[in-house]
Protein backbone atom coordinates (compact mmCIF):
# COMPACT_ATOMS: atom_id res chain seq x y z
CA MET A 1 192.91 -56.24 86.17
CA ASP A 2 191.89 -52.97 86.23
CA THR A 3 189.82 -54.00 89.74
CA VAL A 4 192.92 -55.31 91.53
CA TYR A 5 195.07 -51.51 89.83
CA ASN A 6 192.35 -49.12 91.72
CA MET A 7 192.21 -51.99 95.04
CA TYR A 8 195.88 -51.01 94.99
CA ARG A 9 195.69 -47.43 94.24
CA GLU A 10 193.24 -47.11 97.31
CA LYS A 11 195.85 -49.35 98.96
CA LEU A 12 198.29 -46.87 98.47
CA ARG A 13 196.28 -43.66 99.24
CA LYS A 14 195.51 -45.26 102.87
CA GLY A 15 199.61 -45.40 103.60
CA GLU A 16 198.48 -49.75 103.84
CA ILE A 17 201.46 -50.30 101.30
CA ASP A 18 204.39 -48.43 99.85
CA GLU A 19 205.26 -50.49 96.94
CA PRO A 20 204.53 -49.99 93.12
CA PHE A 21 202.33 -51.75 91.07
CA ASN A 22 204.66 -53.77 89.59
CA VAL A 23 205.91 -56.00 92.93
CA PHE A 24 202.62 -56.05 94.13
CA VAL A 25 201.60 -57.97 90.92
CA LYS A 26 204.60 -59.93 91.25
CA LYS A 27 204.47 -60.73 95.24
CA ASN A 28 200.12 -61.43 95.59
CA LEU A 29 199.42 -62.41 92.30
CA ASN A 30 202.81 -63.99 91.28
CA ILE A 31 202.15 -62.46 87.48
CA SER A 32 205.03 -60.57 85.81
CA PRO A 33 203.95 -57.34 85.68
CA ARG A 34 204.17 -56.96 82.36
CA TYR A 35 201.49 -59.99 81.63
CA ALA A 36 199.55 -57.83 84.93
CA LEU A 37 199.38 -54.63 82.60
CA LYS A 38 197.96 -57.49 78.91
CA LEU A 39 195.73 -58.29 81.25
CA ARG A 40 194.58 -54.48 81.89
CA THR A 41 194.80 -53.17 78.76
CA VAL A 42 192.60 -56.37 77.09
CA GLY A 43 189.72 -56.25 80.10
CA LYS A 44 189.59 -52.04 79.33
CA ILE A 45 188.48 -53.41 75.51
CA TRP A 46 186.57 -55.71 76.46
CA TYR A 47 184.97 -54.08 79.08
CA TRP A 48 183.54 -51.38 76.64
CA TYR A 49 183.54 -54.11 73.42
CA LYS A 50 181.83 -56.95 75.77
CA LYS A 51 181.51 -59.18 72.06
CA LEU A 52 184.80 -59.22 71.01
CA GLU A 53 185.79 -62.11 73.66
CA HIS A 54 183.84 -64.48 71.25
CA LEU A 55 186.31 -63.12 68.36
CA SER A 56 188.63 -67.37 68.26
CA ILE A 57 192.18 -65.37 68.10
CA SER A 58 194.34 -66.46 71.37
CA PHE A 59 194.97 -63.77 73.67
CA ASP A 60 198.04 -62.64 72.89
CA GLU A 61 196.88 -62.11 69.17
CA PHE A 62 193.74 -60.22 70.19
CA TYR A 63 197.12 -58.23 72.34
CA ARG A 64 199.02 -57.55 69.56
CA ARG A 65 195.96 -56.12 67.29
CA LYS A 66 194.58 -54.21 69.80
CA ASP A 67 195.12 -50.83 68.33
CA GLU A 68 194.15 -52.59 64.83
CA ILE A 69 191.24 -52.65 66.62
CA LEU A 70 190.79 -49.55 68.58
CA PHE A 71 191.50 -47.96 65.16
CA LEU A 72 189.10 -50.03 63.88
CA MET A 73 185.89 -48.71 66.21
CA HIS A 74 187.45 -44.98 66.34
CA ASN A 75 186.95 -44.37 62.37
CA HIS A 76 183.73 -47.11 62.40
CA PRO A 77 181.94 -46.24 64.54
CA ASP A 78 178.70 -47.87 62.61
CA ILE A 79 179.48 -51.48 63.95
CA VAL A 80 180.79 -50.36 67.45
CA SER A 81 177.15 -51.21 68.28
CA ALA A 82 177.48 -54.63 66.65
CA TRP A 83 180.88 -55.09 69.03
CA GLN A 84 179.24 -53.87 72.66
CA ASP A 85 176.35 -55.07 74.62
CA ILE A 86 173.86 -52.11 75.33
CA ASN A 87 175.63 -49.14 77.33
CA ASP A 88 174.32 -46.01 77.10
CA ASP A 89 177.01 -44.18 79.11
CA PHE A 90 179.01 -45.50 76.35
CA ASP A 91 181.88 -42.79 74.79
CA LEU A 92 184.82 -43.74 72.80
CA ASP A 93 187.35 -41.43 73.93
CA ASP A 94 186.61 -43.26 77.59
CA ILE A 95 188.78 -46.00 76.16
CA ASN A 96 192.70 -44.99 78.04
CA LEU A 97 194.88 -47.12 77.61
CA ASN A 98 197.37 -45.08 79.24
CA ASP A 99 195.94 -45.03 82.67
């Protein structure tokens, strides 16, 4: 979903579209803006912690617990490597869910 958002921003910058992102996702992807935000948020976390996708919890449960998961990762860097793939560019501060 982050890729879709970046594509949207580029089209908006070029003047190819002039609608808000919530209208864009509803019209072009046929999903609610709220669900698009959830997908984008979880996608950002999964980008850095690729192994989290193997947890045996539902998407909704993962989303509800995202703050707990990020708190755990930020406060226990010793376990971070167990949940991420090798990524030399990794920095916990790169995860900004408010974008």
